[in-house]
C-alpha atoms as a PDB file:
ATOM      1  CA  UNK A   1      42.339  27.305 -48.282  1.00  0.00           C
ATOM      2  CA  UNK A   2      38.894  28.875 -47.909  1.00  0.00           C
ATOM      3  CA  UNK A   3      37.238  28.290 -44.519  1.00  0.00           C
ATOM      4  CA  UNK A   4      40.629  29.030 -42.957  1.00  0.00           C
ATOM      5  CA  UNK A   5      40.805  31.374 -39.972  1.00  0.00           C
ATOM      6  CA  UNK A   6      42.370  34.836 -40.401  1.00  0.00           C
ATOM      7  CA  UNK A   7      43.353  37.229 -37.622  1.00  0.00           C
ATOM      8  CA  UNK A   8      42.949  40.756 -39.009  1.00  0.00           C
ATOM      9  CA  UNK A   9      44.417  43.695 -37.078  1.00  0.00           C
ATOM     10  CA  UNK A  10      42.929  47.181 -37.405  1.00  0.00           C
ATOM     11  CA  UNK A  11      39.502  46.145 -38.656  1.00  0.00           C
ATOM     12  CA  UNK A  12      37.972  49.578 -38.011  1.00  0.00           C
ATOM     13  CA  UNK A  13      40.365  51.332 -40.378  1.00  0.00           C
ATOM     14  CA  UNK A  14      39.693  52.239 -44.015  1.00  0.00           C
ATOM     15  CA  UNK A  15      41.756  49.354 -45.397  1.00  0.00           C
ATOM     16  CA  UNK A  16      40.973  47.012 -42.506  1.00  0.00           C
ATOM     17  CA  UNK A  17      37.209  47.161 -43.019  1.00  0.00           C
ATOM     18  CA  UNK A  18      37.518  46.595 -46.776  1.00  0.00           C
ATOM     19  CA  UNK A  19      39.876  43.669 -46.159  1.00  0.00           C
ATOM     20  CA  UNK A  20      37.389  42.147 -43.717  1.00  0.00           C
ATOM     21  CA  UNK A  21      34.626  42.387 -46.326  1.00  0.00           C
ATOM     22  CA  UNK A  22      36.817  40.749 -48.980  1.00  0.00           C
ATOM     23  CA  UNK A  23      37.928  37.942 -46.664  1.00  0.00           C
ATOM     24  CA  UNK A  24      34.369  37.203 -45.537  1.00  0.00           C
ATOM     25  CA  UNK A  25      33.065  37.214 -49.092  1.00  0.00           C
ATOM     26  CA  UNK A  26      35.736  34.688 -50.030  1.00  0.00           C
ATOM     27  CA  UNK A  27      34.666  32.346 -47.242  1.00  0.00           C
ATOM     28  CA  UNK A  28      37.262  33.000 -44.557  1.00  0.00           C
ATOM     29  CA  UNK A  29      36.523  33.099 -40.850  1.00  0.00           C
ATOM     30  CA  UNK A  30      37.778  36.452 -39.550  1.00  0.00           C
ATOM     31  CA  UNK A  31      38.782  37.679 -36.106  1.00  0.00           C
ATOM     32  CA  UNK A  32      39.027  41.449 -36.317  1.00  0.00           C
ATOM     33  CA  UNK A  33      40.994  43.369 -33.700  1.00  0.00           C
ATOM     34  CA  UNK A  34      40.246  46.893 -32.513  1.00  0.00           C
ATOM     35  CA  UNK A  35      41.251  49.073 -29.623  1.00  0.00           C
ATOM     36  CA  UNK A  36      37.802  49.713 -28.105  1.00  0.00           C
ATOM     37  CA  UNK A  37      34.810  47.422 -27.768  1.00  0.00           C
ATOM     38  CA  UNK A  38      32.614  50.505 -28.182  1.00  0.00           C
ATOM     39  CA  UNK A  39      33.349  50.389 -31.914  1.00  0.00           C
ATOM     40  CA  UNK A  40      32.145  46.811 -32.384  1.00  0.00           C
ATOM     41  CA  UNK A  41      28.430  47.509 -33.044  1.00  0.00           C
ATOM     42  CA  UNK A  42      29.047  50.247 -35.617  1.00  0.00           C
ATOM     43  CA  UNK A  43      31.811  48.492 -37.573  1.00  0.00           C
ATOM     44  CA  UNK A  44      29.894  45.200 -37.568  1.00  0.00           C
ATOM     45  CA  UNK A  45      26.831  46.968 -38.970  1.00  0.00           C
ATOM     46  CA  UNK A  46      28.879  48.591 -41.744  1.00  0.00           C
ATOM     47  CA  UNK A  47      30.649  45.360 -42.729  1.00  0.00           C
ATOM     48  CA  UNK A  48      27.328  43.475 -42.690  1.00  0.00           C
ATOM     49  CA  UNK A  49      26.058  45.815 -45.410  1.00  0.00           C
ATOM     50  CA  UNK A  50      28.708  44.416 -47.762  1.00  0.00           C
ATOM     51  CA  UNK A  51      28.745  40.683 -47.021  1.00  0.00           C
ATOM     52  CA  UNK A  52      26.324  37.826 -46.475  1.00  0.00           C
ATOM     53  CA  UNK A  53      28.853  36.051 -44.255  1.00  0.00           C
ATOM     54  CA  UNK A  54      28.777  38.313 -41.205  1.00  0.00           C
ATOM     55  CA  UNK A  55      28.293  35.225 -39.013  1.00  0.00           C
ATOM     56  CA  UNK A  56      31.942  34.344 -39.772  1.00  0.00           C
ATOM     57  CA  UNK A  57      33.180  37.570 -38.170  1.00  0.00           C
ATOM     58  CA  UNK A  58      34.171  37.953 -34.541  1.00  0.00           C
ATOM     59  CA  UNK A  59      36.028  40.706 -32.684  1.00  0.00           C
ATOM     60  CA  UNK A  60      38.769  41.057 -30.088  1.00  0.00           C
ATOM     61  CA  UNK A  61      40.030  44.121 -28.246  1.00  0.00           C
ATOM     62  CA  UNK A  62      43.822  44.337 -28.464  1.00  0.00           C
ATOM     63  CA  UNK A  63      46.619  46.870 -28.400  1.00  0.00           C
ATOM     64  CA  UNK A  64      49.761  46.451 -30.498  1.00  0.00           C
ATOM     65  CA  UNK A  65      51.948  46.688 -27.392  1.00  0.00           C
ATOM     66  CA  UNK A  66      50.258  43.763 -25.601  1.00  0.00           C
ATOM     67  CA  UNK A  67      52.484  40.739 -26.195  1.00  0.00           C
ATOM     68  CA  UNK A  68      50.395  38.183 -24.302  1.00  0.00           C
ATOM     69  CA  UNK A  69      47.153  39.163 -26.047  1.00  0.00           C
ATOM     70  CA  UNK A  70      48.511  38.339 -29.526  1.00  0.00           C
ATOM     71  CA  UNK A  71      49.758  34.953 -28.387  1.00  0.00           C
ATOM     72  CA  UNK A  72      46.253  34.123 -27.185  1.00  0.00           C
ATOM     73  CA  UNK A  73      44.465  35.550 -30.237  1.00  0.00           C
ATOM     74  CA  UNK A  74      46.639  33.709 -32.752  1.00  0.00           C
ATOM     75  CA  UNK A  75      45.874  30.246 -31.370  1.00  0.00           C
ATOM     76  CA  UNK A  76      44.264  28.110 -34.077  1.00  0.00           C
ATOM     77  CA  UNK A  77      44.761  30.861 -36.673  1.00  0.00           C
ATOM     78  CA  UNK A  78      45.966  29.992 -40.172  1.00  0.00           C
ATOM     79  CA  UNK A  79      46.928  33.488 -41.354  1.00  0.00           C
ATOM     80  CA  UNK A  80      47.453  36.942 -39.886  1.00  0.00           C
ATOM     81  CA  UNK A  81      46.699  40.099 -41.850  1.00  0.00           C
ATOM     82  CA  UNK A  82      48.508  42.868 -39.979  1.00  0.00           C
ATOM     83  CA  UNK A  83      46.865  46.055 -41.261  1.00  0.00           C
ATOM     84  CA  UNK A  84      46.826  48.166 -38.085  1.00  0.00           C
ATOM     85  CA  UNK A  85      49.356  50.973 -37.852  1.00  0.00           C
ATOM     86  CA  UNK A  86      49.523  54.175 -35.786  1.00  0.00           C
ATOM     87  CA  UNK A  87      48.727  57.129 -38.074  1.00  0.00           C
ATOM     88  CA  UNK A  88      47.860  60.208 -35.999  1.00  0.00           C
ATOM     89  CA  UNK A  89      46.041  63.185 -37.495  1.00  0.00           C
ATOM     90  CA  UNK A  90      48.726  65.434 -36.004  1.00  0.00           C
ATOM     91  CA  UNK A  91      52.395  64.533 -35.759  1.00  0.00           C
ATOM     92  CA  UNK A  92      53.633  63.820 -32.210  1.00  0.00           C
ATOM     93  CA  UNK A  93      56.482  65.885 -30.791  1.00  0.00           C
ATOM     94  CA  UNK A  94      58.513  62.726 -30.244  1.00  0.00           C
ATOM     95  CA  UNK A  95      58.853  60.389 -33.232  1.00  0.00           C
ATOM     96  CA  UNK A  96      59.199  57.430 -30.841  1.00  0.00           C
ATOM     97  CA  UNK A  97      55.463  57.749 -30.184  1.00  0.00           C
ATOM     98  CA  UNK A  98      55.047  56.464 -33.753  1.00  0.00           C
ATOM     99  CA  UNK A  99      58.057  54.174 -33.996  1.00  0.00           C
ATOM    100  CA  UNK A 100      57.612  52.229 -30.756  1.00  0.00           C
ATOM    101  CA  UNK A 101      54.078  50.855 -31.323  1.00  0.00           C
ATOM    102  CA  UNK A 102      54.755  50.160 -35.009  1.00  0.00           C
ATOM    103  CA  UNK A 103      57.945  48.222 -34.191  1.00  0.00           C
ATOM    104  CA  UNK A 104      56.625  46.454 -31.088  1.00  0.00           C
ATOM    105  CA  UNK A 105      53.351  45.600 -32.797  1.00  0.00           C
ATOM    106  CA  UNK A 106      54.852  43.612 -35.667  1.00  0.00           C
ATOM    107  CA  UNK A 107      57.365  41.892 -33.365  1.00  0.00           C
ATOM    108  CA  UNK A 108      54.595  40.826 -30.978  1.00  0.00           C
ATOM    109  CA  UNK A 109      52.571  39.467 -33.884  1.00  0.00           C
ATOM    110  CA  UNK A 110      55.478  37.585 -35.460  1.00  0.00           C
ATOM    111  CA  UNK A 111      56.492  36.047 -32.124  1.00  0.00           C
ATOM    112  CA  UNK A 112      52.905  34.977 -31.458  1.00  0.00           C
ATOM    113  CA  UNK A 113      52.595  33.588 -35.000  1.00  0.00           C
ATOM    114  CA  UNK A 114      55.805  31.593 -34.548  1.00  0.00           C
ATOM    115  CA  UNK A 115      54.665  30.206 -31.199  1.00  0.00           C
ATOM    116  CA  UNK A 116      51.272  29.125 -32.569  1.00  0.00           C
ATOM    117  CA  UNK A 117      52.483  27.791 -35.932  1.00  0.00           C
ATOM    118  CA  UNK A 118      50.600  30.315 -38.063  1.00  0.00           C
ATOM    119  CA  UNK A 119      51.235  29.635 -41.775  1.00  0.00           C
ATOM    120  CA  UNK A 120      51.816  33.172 -43.017  1.00  0.00           C
ATOM    121  CA  UNK A 121      51.751  36.790 -41.857  1.00  0.00           C
ATOM    122  CA  UNK A 122      50.906  39.485 -44.405  1.00  0.00           C
ATOM    123  CA  UNK A 123      52.057  42.892 -43.206  1.00  0.00           C
ATOM    124  CA  UNK A 124      50.616  46.061 -44.696  1.00  0.00           C
ATOM    125  CA  UNK A 125      53.620  48.326 -45.023  1.00  0.00           C
ATOM    126  CA  UNK A 126      53.811  51.414 -47.251  1.00  0.00           C
ATOM    127  CA  UNK A 127      55.430  52.817 -50.371  1.00  0.00           C
ATOM    128  CA  UNK A 128      57.056  55.205 -47.911  1.00  0.00           C
ATOM    129  CA  UNK A 129      59.410  52.357 -46.941  1.00  0.00           C
ATOM    130  CA  UNK A 130      60.779  52.200 -50.496  1.00  0.00           C
ATOM    131  CA  UNK A 131      61.022  55.562 -52.244  1.00  0.00           C
ATOM    132  CA  UNK A 132      62.119  58.162 -49.663  1.00  0.00           C
ATOM    133  CA  UNK A 133      65.205  59.245 -47.759  1.00  0.00           C
ATOM    134  CA  UNK A 134      67.016  60.387 -50.895  1.00  0.00           C
ATOM    135  CA  UNK A 135      68.984  63.515 -49.997  1.00  0.00           C
ATOM    136  CA  UNK A 136      70.850  63.216 -53.303  1.00  0.00           C
ATOM    137  CA  UNK A 137      68.008  63.278 -55.818  1.00  0.00           C
ATOM    138  CA  UNK A 138      68.140  61.256 -59.051  1.00  0.00           C
ATOM    139  CA  UNK A 139      65.085  62.040 -61.152  1.00  0.00           C
ATOM    140  CA  UNK A 140      65.771  59.052 -63.435  1.00  0.00           C
ATOM    141  CA  UNK A 141      65.779  56.536 -60.589  1.00  0.00           C
ATOM    142  CA  UNK A 142      62.963  53.951 -60.810  1.00  0.00           C
ATOM    143  CA  UNK A 143      62.151  52.463 -57.414  1.00  0.00           C
ATOM    144  CA  UNK A 144      61.096  48.861 -56.921  1.00  0.00           C
ATOM    145  CA  UNK A 145      60.684  46.349 -54.116  1.00  0.00           C
ATOM    146  CA  UNK A 146      64.454  45.944 -53.743  1.00  0.00           C
ATOM    147  CA  UNK A 147      64.813  49.562 -52.597  1.00  0.00           C
ATOM    148  CA  UNK A 148      64.581  50.818 -49.030  1.00  0.00           C
ATOM    149  CA  UNK A 149      63.965  54.280 -47.627  1.00  0.00           C
ATOM    150  CA  UNK A 150      67.036  55.706 -45.889  1.00  0.00           C
ATOM    151  CA  UNK A 151      65.902  56.455 -42.339  1.00  0.00           C
ATOM    152  CA  UNK A 152      69.043  58.536 -41.706  1.00  0.00           C
ATOM    153  CA  UNK A 153      67.991  61.130 -44.276  1.00  0.00           C
ATOM    154  CA  UNK A 154      67.900  64.685 -42.975  1.00  0.00           C
ATOM    155  CA  UNK A 155      65.246  66.089 -45.311  1.00  0.00           C
ATOM    156  CA  UNK A 156      63.538  63.475 -47.500  1.00  0.00           C
ATOM    157  CA  UNK A 157      61.596  61.637 -44.798  1.00  0.00           C
ATOM    158  CA  UNK A 158      58.872  62.155 -42.175  1.00  0.00           C
ATOM    159  CA  UNK A 159      58.477  60.557 -38.719  1.00  0.00           C
ATOM    160  CA  UNK A 160      55.613  58.438 -40.067  1.00  0.00           C
ATOM    161  CA  UNK A 161      57.656  57.215 -43.041  1.00  0.00           C
ATOM    162  CA  UNK A 162      60.508  56.458 -40.663  1.00  0.00           C
ATOM    163  CA  UNK A 163      58.231  54.437 -38.372  1.00  0.00           C
ATOM    164  CA  UNK A 164      56.879  52.390 -41.282  1.00  0.00           C
ATOM    165  CA  UNK A 165      60.382  51.679 -42.588  1.00  0.00           C
ATOM    166  CA  UNK A 166      61.746  50.675 -39.194  1.00  0.00           C
ATOM    167  CA  UNK A 167      58.751  48.399 -38.550  1.00  0.00           C
ATOM    168  CA  UNK A 168      59.097  46.587 -41.871  1.00  0.00           C
ATOM    169  CA  UNK A 169      62.880  46.290 -41.511  1.00  0.00           C
ATOM    170  CA  UNK A 170      62.418  44.808 -38.033  1.00  0.00           C
ATOM    171  CA  UNK A 171      59.947  42.271 -39.459  1.00  0.00           C
ATOM    172  CA  UNK A 172      62.376  41.048 -42.120  1.00  0.00           C
ATOM    173  CA  UNK A 173      65.254  40.992 -39.637  1.00  0.00           C
ATOM    174  CA  UNK A 174      63.143  38.822 -37.341  1.00  0.00           C
ATOM    175  CA  UNK A 175      62.437  36.394 -40.186  1.00  0.00           C
ATOM    176  CA  UNK A 176      66.161  36.007 -40.947  1.00  0.00           C
ATOM    177  CA  UNK A 177      66.706  34.439 -37.542  1.00  0.00           C
ATOM    178  CA  UNK A 178      63.382  32.579 -37.418  1.00  0.00           C
ATOM    179  CA  UNK A 179      63.911  28.831 -37.852  1.00  0.00           C
ATOM    180  CA  UNK A 180      60.186  27.985 -37.912  1.00  0.00           C
ATOM    181  CA  UNK A 181      58.020  27.453 -41.013  1.00  0.00           C
ATOM    182  CA  UNK A 182      56.385  30.880 -40.629  1.00  0.00           C
ATOM    183  CA  UNK A 183      56.203  32.904 -43.848  1.00  0.00           C
ATOM    184  CA  UNK A 184      56.082  36.698 -44.239  1.00  0.00           C
ATOM    185  CA  UNK A 185      54.868  38.873 -47.098  1.00  0.00           C
ATOM    186  CA  UNK A 186      54.713  42.670 -47.063  1.00  0.00           C
ATOM    187  CA  UNK A 187      52.454  44.854 -49.215  1.00  0.00           C
ATOM    188  CA  UNK A 188      53.463  48.496 -49.723  1.00  0.00           C
ATOM    189  CA  UNK A 189      50.543  50.677 -50.867  1.00  0.00           C
ATOM    190  CA  UNK A 190      50.747  54.211 -52.173  1.00  0.00           C
ATOM    191  CA  UNK A 191      48.007  56.733 -51.334  1.00  0.00           C
ATOM    192  CA  UNK A 192      44.811  54.721 -50.815  1.00  0.00           C
ATOM    193  CA  UNK A 193      41.561  56.056 -52.310  1.00  0.00           C
ATOM    194  CA  UNK A 194      38.361  54.287 -53.357  1.00  0.00           C
ATOM    195  CA  UNK A 195      34.987  54.048 -51.590  1.00  0.00           C
ATOM    196  CA  UNK A 196      34.776  55.240 -48.002  1.00  0.00           C
ATOM    197  CA  UNK A 197      32.438  53.004 -45.971  1.00  0.00           C
ATOM    198  CA  UNK A 198      31.916  55.310 -42.995  1.00  0.00           C
ATOM    199  CA  UNK A 199      32.915  58.633 -41.534  1.00  0.00           C
ATOM    200  CA  UNK A 200      36.035  57.076 -39.972  1.00  0.00           C
ATOM    201  CA  UNK A 201      38.097  57.065 -43.164  1.00  0.00           C
ATOM    202  CA  UNK A 202      41.752  56.869 -44.174  1.00  0.00           C
ATOM    203  CA  UNK A 203      43.884  59.993 -44.337  1.00  0.00           C
ATOM    204  CA  UNK A 204      44.469  59.612 -48.090  1.00  0.00           C
ATOM    205  CA  UNK A 205      40.781  60.266 -48.776  1.00  0.00           C
ATOM    206  CA  UNK A 206      41.445  63.856 -47.697  1.00  0.00           C
ATOM    207  CA  UNK A 207      43.078  64.352 -51.112  1.00  0.00           C
ATOM    208  CA  UNK A 208      39.623  64.126 -52.690  1.00  0.00           C
ATOM    209  CA  UNK A 209      37.670  65.650 -49.806  1.00  0.00           C
ATOM    210  CA  UNK A 210      39.812  68.799 -49.766  1.00  0.00           C
ATOM    211  CA  UNK A 211      39.234  69.359 -53.500  1.00  0.00           C
ATOM    212  CA  UNK A 212      35.483  68.810 -53.252  1.00  0.00           C
ATOM    213  CA  UNK A 213      35.278  71.082 -50.200  1.00  0.00           C
ATOM    214  CA  UNK A 214      37.282  73.822 -51.946  1.00  0.00           C
ATOM    215  CA  UNK A 215      39.861  73.712 -49.140  1.00  0.00           C
ATOM    216  CA  UNK A 216      42.626  74.659 -51.601  1.00  0.00           C
ATOM    217  CA  UNK A 217      42.626  78.184 -53.082  1.00  0.00           C
ATOM    218  CA  UNK A 218      45.048  76.674 -55.619  1.00  0.00           C
ATOM    219  CA  UNK A 219      46.879  73.377 -55.972  1.00  0.00           C
ATOM    220  CA  UNK A 220      50.358  72.455 -54.802  1.00  0.00           C
ATOM    221  CA  UNK A 221      52.386  70.859 -57.617  1.00  0.00           C
ATOM    222  CA  UNK A 222      52.453  67.441 -56.027  1.00  0.00           C
ATOM    223  CA  UNK A 223      51.599  63.912 -57.090  1.00  0.00           C
ATOM    224  CA  UNK A 224      51.161  60.416 -55.677  1.00  0.00           C
ATOM    225  CA  UNK A 225      51.138  56.776 -56.664  1.00  0.00           C
ATOM    226  CA  UNK A 226      47.473  55.975 -56.043  1.00  0.00           C
ATOM    227  CA  UNK A 227      45.595  52.745 -55.466  1.00  0.00           C
ATOM    228  CA  UNK A 228      41.986  51.779 -54.800  1.00  0.00           C
ATOM    229  CA  UNK A 229      41.358  50.355 -51.330  1.00  0.00           C
ATOM    230  CA  UNK A 230      39.487  47.399 -52.871  1.00  0.00           C
ATOM    231  CA  UNK A 231      42.546  46.572 -54.946  1.00  0.00           C
ATOM    232  CA  UNK A 232      44.800  46.679 -51.885  1.00  0.00           C
ATOM    233  CA  UNK A 233      42.434  44.302 -50.052  1.00  0.00           C
ATOM    234  CA  UNK A 234      42.549  42.023 -53.097  1.00  0.00           C
ATOM    235  CA  UNK A 235      46.363  42.092 -53.156  1.00  0.00           C
ATOM    236  CA  UNK A 236      46.567  41.374 -49.419  1.00  0.00           C
ATOM    237  CA  UNK A 237      44.559  38.195 -49.963  1.00  0.00           C
ATOM    238  CA  UNK A 238      46.584  37.191 -53.029  1.00  0.00           C
ATOM    239  CA  UNK A 239      49.732  37.747 -50.958  1.00  0.00           C
ATOM    240  CA  UNK A 240      48.234  35.494 -48.282  1.00  0.00           C
ATOM    241  CA  UNK A 241      47.179  32.701 -50.637  1.00  0.00           C
ATOM    242  CA  UNK A 242      49.774  32.535 -53.402  1.00  0.00           C
ATOM    243  CA  UNK A 243      52.662  30.111 -52.715  1.00  0.00           C
ATOM    244  CA  UNK A 244      55.090  32.293 -54.694  1.00  0.00           C
ATOM    245  CA  UNK A 245      54.409  35.348 -52.529  1.00  0.00           C
ATOM    246  CA  UNK A 246      56.227  34.033 -49.450  1.00  0.00           C
ATOM    247  CA  UNK A 247      59.292  36.103 -48.589  1.00  0.00           C
ATOM    248  CA  UNK A 248      58.393  38.926 -50.972  1.00  0.00           C
ATOM    249  CA  UNK A 249      57.512  42.622 -50.866  1.00  0.00           C
ATOM    250  CA  UNK A 250      54.893  44.015 -53.256  1.00  0.00           C
ATOM    251  CA  UNK A 251      54.189  47.623 -54.191  1.00  0.00           C
ATOM    252  CA  UNK A 252      50.439  48.287 -54.362  1.00  0.00           C
ATOM    253  CA  UNK A 253      49.681  51.159 -56.735  1.00  0.00           C
ATOM    254  CA  UNK A 254      47.972  51.492 -60.096  1.00  0.00           C
ATOM    255  CA  UNK A 255      48.845  54.988 -61.331  1.00  0.00           C
ATOM    256  CA  UNK A 256      50.718  58.207 -60.626  1.00  0.00           C
ATOM    257  CA  UNK A 257      48.391  61.204 -60.530  1.00  0.00           C
ATOM    258  CA  UNK A 258      49.165  64.805 -59.678  1.00  0.00           C
ATOM    259  CA  UNK A 259      46.743  66.846 -57.622  1.00  0.00           C
ATOM    260  CA  UNK A 260      45.891  68.662 -60.863  1.00  0.00           C
ATOM    261  CA  UNK A 261      45.063  65.301 -62.485  1.00  0.00           C
ATOM    262  CA  UNK A 262      42.750  64.433 -59.593  1.00  0.00           C
ATOM    263  CA  UNK A 263      41.134  67.871 -59.873  1.00  0.00           C
ATOM    264  CA  UNK A 264      40.507  67.350 -63.609  1.00  0.00           C
ATOM    265  CA  UNK A 265      38.801  63.994 -62.962  1.00  0.00           C
ATOM    266  CA  UNK A 266      36.555  65.567 -60.322  1.00  0.00           C
ATOM    267  CA  UNK A 267      35.742  68.567 -62.529  1.00  0.00           C
ATOM    268  CA  UNK A 268      34.663  66.202 -65.290  1.00  0.00           C
ATOM    269  CA  UNK A 269      32.408  64.228 -62.922  1.00  0.00           C
ATOM    270  CA  UNK A 270      31.053  67.231 -60.988  1.00  0.00           C
ATOM    271  CA  UNK A 271      30.979  70.204 -63.386  1.00  0.00           C
ATOM    272  CA  UNK A 272      28.592  72.042 -61.065  1.00  0.00           C
ATOM    273  CA  UNK A 273      31.201  72.190 -58.309  1.00  0.00           C
ATOM    274  CA  UNK A 274      33.893  74.844 -58.188  1.00  0.00           C
ATOM    275  CA  UNK A 275      36.944  72.627 -57.912  1.00  0.00           C
ATOM    276  CA  UNK A 276      40.316  74.416 -57.962  1.00  0.00           C
ATOM    277  CA  UNK A 277      42.563  73.759 -60.940  1.00  0.00           C
ATOM    278  CA  UNK A 278      45.164  76.563 -60.804  1.00  0.00           C
ATOM    279  CA  UNK A 279      48.555  75.513 -59.386  1.00  0.00           C
ATOM    280  CA  UNK A 280      50.758  77.303 -56.860  1.00  0.00           C
ATOM    281  CA  UNK A 281      54.397  77.884 -57.792  1.00  0.00           C
ATOM    282  CA  UNK A 282      56.549  75.589 -55.653  1.00  0.00           C
ATOM    283  CA  UNK A 283      58.055  78.470 -53.682  1.00  0.00           C
ATOM    284  CA  UNK A 284      54.574  79.493 -52.507  1.00  0.00           C
ATOM    285  CA  UNK A 285      53.897  75.948 -51.295  1.00  0.00           C
ATOM    286  CA  UNK A 286      57.175  76.022 -49.345  1.00  0.00           C
ATOM    287  CA  UNK A 287      56.294  79.366 -47.727  1.00  0.00           C
ATOM    288  CA  UNK A 288      52.847  78.105 -46.690  1.00  0.00           C
ATOM    289  CA  UNK A 289      54.401  74.975 -45.171  1.00  0.00           C
ATOM    290  CA  UNK A 290      56.691  77.142 -43.036  1.00  0.00           C
ATOM    291  CA  UNK A 291      53.612  78.592 -41.325  1.00  0.00           C
ATOM    292  CA  UNK A 292      51.640  75.319 -41.292  1.00  0.00           C
ATOM    293  CA  UNK A 293      54.040  72.572 -40.127  1.00  0.00           C
ATOM    294  CA  UNK A 294      51.420  69.861 -40.688  1.00  0.00           C
ATOM    295  CA  UNK A 295      51.803  70.528 -44.422  1.00  0.00           C
ATOM    296  CA  UNK A 296      55.568  69.953 -44.478  1.00  0.00           C
ATOM    297  CA  UNK A 297      55.224  66.278 -45.525  1.00  0.00           C
ATOM    298  CA  UNK A 298      53.504  67.555 -48.681  1.00  0.00           C
ATOM    299  CA  UNK A 299      56.789  69.143 -49.765  1.00  0.00           C
ATOM    300  CA  UNK A 300      58.270  65.674 -50.291  1.00  0.00           C
ATOM    301  CA  UNK A 301      55.667  64.976 -52.957  1.00  0.00           C
ATOM    302  CA  UNK A 302      56.857  67.840 -55.163  1.00  0.00           C
ATOM    303  CA  UNK A 303      59.412  65.333 -56.472  1.00  0.00           C
ATOM    304  CA  UNK A 304      58.169  62.689 -58.918  1.00  0.00           C
ATOM    305  CA  UNK A 305      59.213  59.330 -57.529  1.00  0.00           C
ATOM    306  CA  UNK A 306      59.133  56.881 -60.401  1.00  0.00           C
ATOM    307  CA  UNK A 307      58.131  53.405 -59.333  1.00  0.00           C
ATOM    308  CA  UNK A 308      57.904  50.032 -61.048  1.00  0.00           C
ATOM    309  CA  UNK A 309      54.360  48.865 -60.358  1.00  0.00           C
ATOM    310  CA  UNK A 310      54.526  45.568 -62.252  1.00  0.00           C
ATOM    311  CA  UNK A 311      55.758  42.942 -59.759  1.00  0.00           C
ATOM    312  CA  UNK A 312      52.375  42.169 -58.146  1.00  0.00           C
ATOM    313  CA  UNK A 313      50.683  42.183 -61.550  1.00  0.00           C
ATOM    314  CA  UNK A 314      53.194  39.728 -63.038  1.00  0.00           C
ATOM    315  CA  UNK A 315      53.712  37.412 -60.070  1.00  0.00           C
ATOM    316  CA  UNK A 316      50.290  37.357 -58.421  1.00  0.00           C
ATOM    317  CA  UNK A 317      48.041  38.128 -61.391  1.00  0.00           C
ATOM    318  CA  UNK A 318      46.849  41.269 -59.604  1.00  0.00           C
ATOM    319  CA  UNK A 319      44.517  43.453 -61.666  1.00  0.00           C
ATOM    320  CA  UNK A 320      44.149  46.795 -59.851  1.00  0.00           C
ATOM    321  CA  UNK A 321      41.316  49.252 -60.373  1.00  0.00           C
ATOM    322  CA  UNK A 322      42.474  52.328 -62.302  1.00  0.00           C
ATOM    323  CA  UNK A 323      43.580  55.482 -60.509  1.00  0.00           C
ATOM    324  CA  UNK A 324      40.755  57.381 -62.209  1.00  0.00           C
ATOM    325  CA  UNK A 325      38.111  54.967 -60.918  1.00  0.00           C
ATOM    326  CA  UNK A 326      39.649  55.065 -57.449  1.00  0.00           C
ATOM    327  CA  UNK A 327      39.256  58.853 -57.399  1.00  0.00           C
ATOM    328  CA  UNK A 328      35.668  58.702 -58.658  1.00  0.00           C
ATOM    329  CA  UNK A 329      34.641  55.979 -56.178  1.00  0.00           C
ATOM    330  CA  UNK A 330      36.124  57.987 -53.320  1.00  0.00           C
ATOM    331  CA  UNK A 331      34.280  61.141 -54.398  1.00  0.00           C
ATOM    332  CA  UNK A 332      30.946  59.356 -54.803  1.00  0.00           C
ATOM    333  CA  UNK A 333      31.214  57.811 -51.344  1.00  0.00           C
ATOM    334  CA  UNK A 334      32.177  60.962 -49.432  1.00  0.00           C
ATOM    335  CA  UNK A 335      29.321  62.853 -51.090  1.00  0.00           C
ATOM    336  CA  UNK A 336      26.854  60.072 -50.299  1.00  0.00           C
ATOM    337  CA  UNK A 337      27.999  59.976 -46.663  1.00  0.00           C
ATOM    338  CA  UNK A 338      27.823  63.803 -46.516  1.00  0.00           C
ATOM    339  CA  UNK A 339      31.471  64.026 -45.467  1.00  0.00           C
ATOM    340  CA  UNK A 340      31.812  66.866 -47.970  1.00  0.00           C
ATOM    341  CA  UNK A 341      29.587  69.914 -48.140  1.00  0.00           C
ATOM    342  CA  UNK A 342      26.690  69.722 -50.546  1.00  0.00           C
END
């Protein structure tokens, strides 16, 4: 299976770049897509620092909405790793600005894959497609890959979570009516930490950056299922290679950590830094979010969403890096790159 050709969308992203490195190191030929050719020199240089097989990497400029481009790019491709997804730093006024490209993007890729007889598409989805949309809260509920976020929820969802859920649903609906041999697997990561390779990093890394930068006077009582970016890249490739993975969803997370837990890990590693450890009462967090709408998604994480993280471990022999090590690797990298203040 090595020496196969993989089309990788979103190569400039946090997860995309790590996935490219992992694929190249395992002997795959990779075509990485991005939205601007101006980014090619910088991302190629960064990836080259982590692989000896940079000669197996090529690039293509493509937008998720461009149907004809994907049909051309997927010719002669064995697998597609669809990692790209719109994730703006500020929420758009109209949720369709998120939903439309996410939905159209996966449909364009699946249609192109069907037309060109691609073996398997692995779609990077999100834990947000599984554990949200619960207006009637059951604290004993344990979520797994059979669960779906309710997009009709009035309070336990965000536009981004809705877009991810709709996009993954559309992908599986497409496969139900697809009579070709194409296979689909989806991987649903929690908050992704681990080593940042460059200053263009994933939003989840802000969990660590904000603590190191003393951006919080105190900590909201929130928590996340965390996963190291290297472990997600590893699972994406296992999901691509393993015969049993076809037709399955897999949660990608290794541990649930509260913000206070993350703070304690950082305090232990960087005792010289003044890292906040005191927690806000929940009502204070809600008041702050009323004045800072961009923080409203944080309110959803005040509920502990119990998840069964064992399916990928049992079925695909996945061995994820610990949540603690993911936090430490993220911190070390953002300090080294001077993303946080010294």
